[in-house]
Amino acid sequence: MAREPFIHRDGKKLRIGALIIKAERWPWQSGYNWHGMTSSCAPLNQPRKGEKAAPRFGGGWKYNLGFQFSGRTLLVELLFGMLTFNIETAKDRREAAEHAARRKAEIDRILNRAAA
């Protein structure tokens, strides 16, 4: 059986052994940069009625700082998004592999039925 590499990166996920780190930006910042606020088209950076310039950082922005703990998960909320640290057990990996096998079998069954 082939072993997975100790460090593996897949998109926004980084796996280091049993530790999974996932990075996410806040939804309202998606596709927007941190500079050029006055000409940005970000919904929270539009000038208010009767004002010439858009609010700067802190004026109308939603932001959150802090930590949240739950079981094997740690959420670190930052100004730009959230980092999720999760410890995966052998049982979690086994259940994920069984789920993937069931899904593959179901897809194969559907494809075979369509071909017949």
C-alpha atoms as a PDB file:
ATOM      1  CA  MET A   1       0.000   0.000   0.000  1.00  0.00           C
ATOM      2  CA  ALA A   2       1.405   3.411  -0.991  1.00  0.00           C
ATOM      3  CA  ARG A   3       1.932   5.894   1.829  1.00  0.00           C
ATOM      4  CA  GLU A   4       0.772   9.454   1.538  1.00  0.00           C
ATOM      5  CA  PRO A   5       3.488  12.115   1.705  1.00  0.00           C
ATOM      6  CA  PHE A   6       4.012  13.643   5.159  1.00  0.00           C
ATOM      7  CA  ILE A   7       3.351  17.159   3.839  1.00  0.00           C
ATOM      8  CA  HIS A   8       0.695  17.513   1.141  1.00  0.00           C
ATOM      9  CA  ARG A   9      -0.910  20.683  -0.249  1.00  0.00           C
ATOM     10  CA  ASP A  10      -4.215  20.604  -2.092  1.00  0.00           C
ATOM     11  CA  GLY A  11      -5.671  24.001  -3.017  1.00  0.00           C
ATOM     12  CA  LYS A  12      -6.396  25.854   0.208  1.00  0.00           C
ATOM     13  CA  LYS A  13      -5.607  22.828   2.406  1.00  0.00           C
ATOM     14  CA  LEU A  14      -2.223  21.892   3.809  1.00  0.00           C
ATOM     15  CA  ARG A  15      -1.858  18.462   5.408  1.00  0.00           C
ATOM     16  CA  ILE A  16       1.074  17.860   7.749  1.00  0.00           C
ATOM     17  CA  GLY A  17       0.739  14.318   9.029  1.00  0.00           C
ATOM     18  CA  ALA A  18      -2.600  14.189  10.869  1.00  0.00           C
ATOM     19  CA  LEU A  19      -2.911  18.000  11.054  1.00  0.00           C
ATOM     20  CA  ILE A  20      -5.036  19.685   8.363  1.00  0.00           C
ATOM     21  CA  ILE A  21      -4.733  23.464   7.948  1.00  0.00           C
ATOM     22  CA  LYS A  22      -7.315  25.238   5.792  1.00  0.00           C
ATOM     23  CA  ALA A  23      -7.245  28.951   4.869  1.00  0.00           C
ATOM     24  CA  GLU A  24     -10.353  30.913   3.868  1.00  0.00           C
ATOM     25  CA  ARG A  25     -11.010  34.566   3.045  1.00  0.00           C
ATOM     26  CA  TRP A  26     -14.160  36.198   4.313  1.00  0.00           C
ATOM     27  CA  PRO A  27     -16.919  36.033   1.666  1.00  0.00           C
ATOM     28  CA  TRP A  28     -17.350  39.803   1.466  1.00  0.00           C
ATOM     29  CA  GLN A  29     -13.646  40.202   0.580  1.00  0.00           C
ATOM     30  CA  SER A  30     -13.662  37.685  -2.220  1.00  0.00           C
ATOM     31  CA  GLY A  31     -11.921  39.117  -5.249  1.00  0.00           C
ATOM     32  CA  TYR A  32     -11.089  42.456  -3.673  1.00  0.00           C
ATOM     33  CA  ASN A  33      -7.681  43.830  -2.763  1.00  0.00           C
ATOM     34  CA  TRP A  34      -6.591  45.652   0.376  1.00  0.00           C
ATOM     35  CA  HIS A  35      -5.498  48.803  -1.500  1.00  0.00           C
ATOM     36  CA  GLY A  36      -7.445  51.226  -3.655  1.00  0.00           C
ATOM     37  CA  MET A  37     -10.430  51.398  -1.340  1.00  0.00           C
ATOM     38  CA  THR A  38     -11.887  54.610  -2.793  1.00  0.00           C
ATOM     39  CA  SER A  39     -12.139  53.217  -6.305  1.00  0.00           C
ATOM     40  CA  SER A  40     -12.875  49.632  -5.276  1.00  0.00           C
ATOM     41  CA  CYS A  41     -16.145  48.025  -6.237  1.00  0.00           C
ATOM     42  CA  ALA A  42     -16.312  46.040  -2.988  1.00  0.00           C
ATOM     43  CA  PRO A  43     -19.849  46.293  -1.602  1.00  0.00           C
ATOM     44  CA  LEU A  44     -18.697  47.434   1.837  1.00  0.00           C
ATOM     45  CA  ASN A  45     -16.412  50.123   0.392  1.00  0.00           C
ATOM     46  CA  GLN A  46     -18.951  52.138  -1.567  1.00  0.00           C
ATOM     47  CA  PRO A  47     -19.447  55.774  -0.547  1.00  0.00           C
ATOM     48  CA  ARG A  48     -22.462  56.381   1.627  1.00  0.00           C
ATOM     49  CA  LYS A  49     -25.240  58.613   0.401  1.00  0.00           C
ATOM     50  CA  GLY A  50     -24.025  62.214   0.156  1.00  0.00           C
ATOM     51  CA  GLU A  51     -20.317  61.362   0.687  1.00  0.00           C
ATOM     52  CA  LYS A  52     -17.600  61.756  -1.933  1.00  0.00           C
ATOM     53  CA  ALA A  53     -15.188  59.095  -0.653  1.00  0.00           C
ATOM     54  CA  ALA A  54     -15.670  55.526   0.512  1.00  0.00           C
ATOM     55  CA  PRO A  55     -14.992  54.625   4.139  1.00  0.00           C
ATOM     56  CA  ARG A  56     -11.513  53.403   4.998  1.00  0.00           C
ATOM     57  CA  PHE A  57     -10.657  50.231   6.882  1.00  0.00           C
ATOM     58  CA  GLY A  58     -12.677  50.044  10.080  1.00  0.00           C
ATOM     59  CA  GLY A  59     -15.396  52.356   8.790  1.00  0.00           C
ATOM     60  CA  GLY A  60     -18.079  50.017   7.529  1.00  0.00           C
ATOM     61  CA  TRP A  61     -15.931  46.884   7.362  1.00  0.00           C
ATOM     62  CA  LYS A  62     -16.991  43.748   9.170  1.00  0.00           C
ATOM     63  CA  TYR A  63     -14.011  42.234  10.892  1.00  0.00           C
ATOM     64  CA  ASN A  64     -13.446  39.604  13.524  1.00  0.00           C
ATOM     65  CA  LEU A  65     -10.439  38.591  15.612  1.00  0.00           C
ATOM     66  CA  GLY A  66     -10.257  35.629  17.905  1.00  0.00           C
ATOM     67  CA  PHE A  67      -9.933  31.921  18.571  1.00  0.00           C
ATOM     68  CA  GLN A  68     -12.558  29.209  18.799  1.00  0.00           C
ATOM     69  CA  PHE A  69     -11.940  25.686  20.096  1.00  0.00           C
ATOM     70  CA  SER A  70     -14.069  22.601  19.599  1.00  0.00           C
ATOM     71  CA  GLY A  71     -12.925  19.020  20.086  1.00  0.00           C
ATOM     72  CA  ARG A  72     -10.080  18.490  17.594  1.00  0.00           C
ATOM     73  CA  THR A  73     -10.625  21.801  15.752  1.00  0.00           C
ATOM     74  CA  LEU A  74      -9.153  25.271  16.293  1.00  0.00           C
ATOM     75  CA  LEU A  75     -10.469  28.277  14.354  1.00  0.00           C
ATOM     76  CA  VAL A  76      -8.243  31.358  14.189  1.00  0.00           C
ATOM     77  CA  GLU A  77     -10.204  34.352  12.936  1.00  0.00           C
ATOM     78  CA  LEU A  78      -8.084  37.106  11.441  1.00  0.00           C
ATOM     79  CA  LEU A  79      -8.859  40.398   9.730  1.00  0.00           C
ATOM     80  CA  PHE A  80      -8.560  38.875   6.263  1.00  0.00           C
ATOM     81  CA  GLY A  81     -10.138  35.491   6.856  1.00  0.00           C
ATOM     82  CA  MET A  82      -9.963  32.348   8.933  1.00  0.00           C
ATOM     83  CA  LEU A  83      -7.455  29.556   9.483  1.00  0.00           C
ATOM     84  CA  THR A  84      -8.866  26.178  10.500  1.00  0.00           C
ATOM     85  CA  PHE A  85      -6.609  23.640  12.227  1.00  0.00           C
ATOM     86  CA  ASN A  86      -8.079  20.136  12.451  1.00  0.00           C
ATOM     87  CA  ILE A  87      -6.545  16.886  13.711  1.00  0.00           C
ATOM     88  CA  GLU A  88      -7.629  13.902  11.626  1.00  0.00           C
ATOM     89  CA  THR A  89      -7.766  10.489  13.279  1.00  0.00           C
ATOM     90  CA  ALA A  90      -7.296   7.082  11.664  1.00  0.00           C
ATOM     91  CA  LYS A  91     -11.055   6.535  11.981  1.00  0.00           C
ATOM     92  CA  ASP A  92     -11.724   9.762  10.034  1.00  0.00           C
ATOM     93  CA  ARG A  93      -9.348   8.659   7.251  1.00  0.00           C
ATOM     94  CA  ARG A  94     -10.931   5.184   7.119  1.00  0.00           C
ATOM     95  CA  GLU A  95     -14.456   6.648   6.909  1.00  0.00           C
ATOM     96  CA  ALA A  96     -13.375   9.066   4.152  1.00  0.00           C
ATOM     97  CA  ALA A  97     -11.818   6.184   2.166  1.00  0.00           C
ATOM     98  CA  GLU A  98     -14.990   4.085   2.561  1.00  0.00           C
ATOM     99  CA  HIS A  99     -17.136   7.026   1.471  1.00  0.00           C
ATOM    100  CA  ALA A 100     -14.927   7.590  -1.602  1.00  0.00           C
ATOM    101  CA  ALA A 101     -15.150   3.868  -2.497  1.00  0.00           C
ATOM    102  CA  ARG A 102     -18.962   3.883  -2.150  1.00  0.00           C
ATOM    103  CA  ARG A 103     -19.199   7.012  -4.274  1.00  0.00           C
ATOM    104  CA  LYS A 104     -16.939   5.556  -6.986  1.00  0.00           C
ATOM    105  CA  ALA A 105     -18.994   2.341  -7.017  1.00  0.00           C
ATOM    106  CA  GLU A 106     -22.231   4.332  -7.348  1.00  0.00           C
ATOM    107  CA  ILE A 107     -20.818   6.425 -10.210  1.00  0.00           C
ATOM    108  CA  ASP A 108     -19.579   3.276 -11.984  1.00  0.00           C
ATOM    109  CA  ARG A 109     -23.000   1.659 -11.538  1.00  0.00           C
ATOM    110  CA  ILE A 110     -24.745   4.701 -13.051  1.00  0.00           C
ATOM    111  CA  LEU A 111     -22.305   4.855 -15.979  1.00  0.00           C
ATOM    112  CA  ASN A 112     -22.659   1.129 -16.681  1.00  0.00           C
ATOM    113  CA  ARG A 113     -26.449   1.391 -16.599  1.00  0.00           C
ATOM    114  CA  ALA A 114     -26.350   4.343 -19.028  1.00  0.00           C
ATOM    115  CA  ALA A 115     -24.029   2.449 -21.408  1.00  0.00           C
ATOM    116  CA  ALA A 116     -26.320  -0.586 -21.515  1.00  0.00           C
END
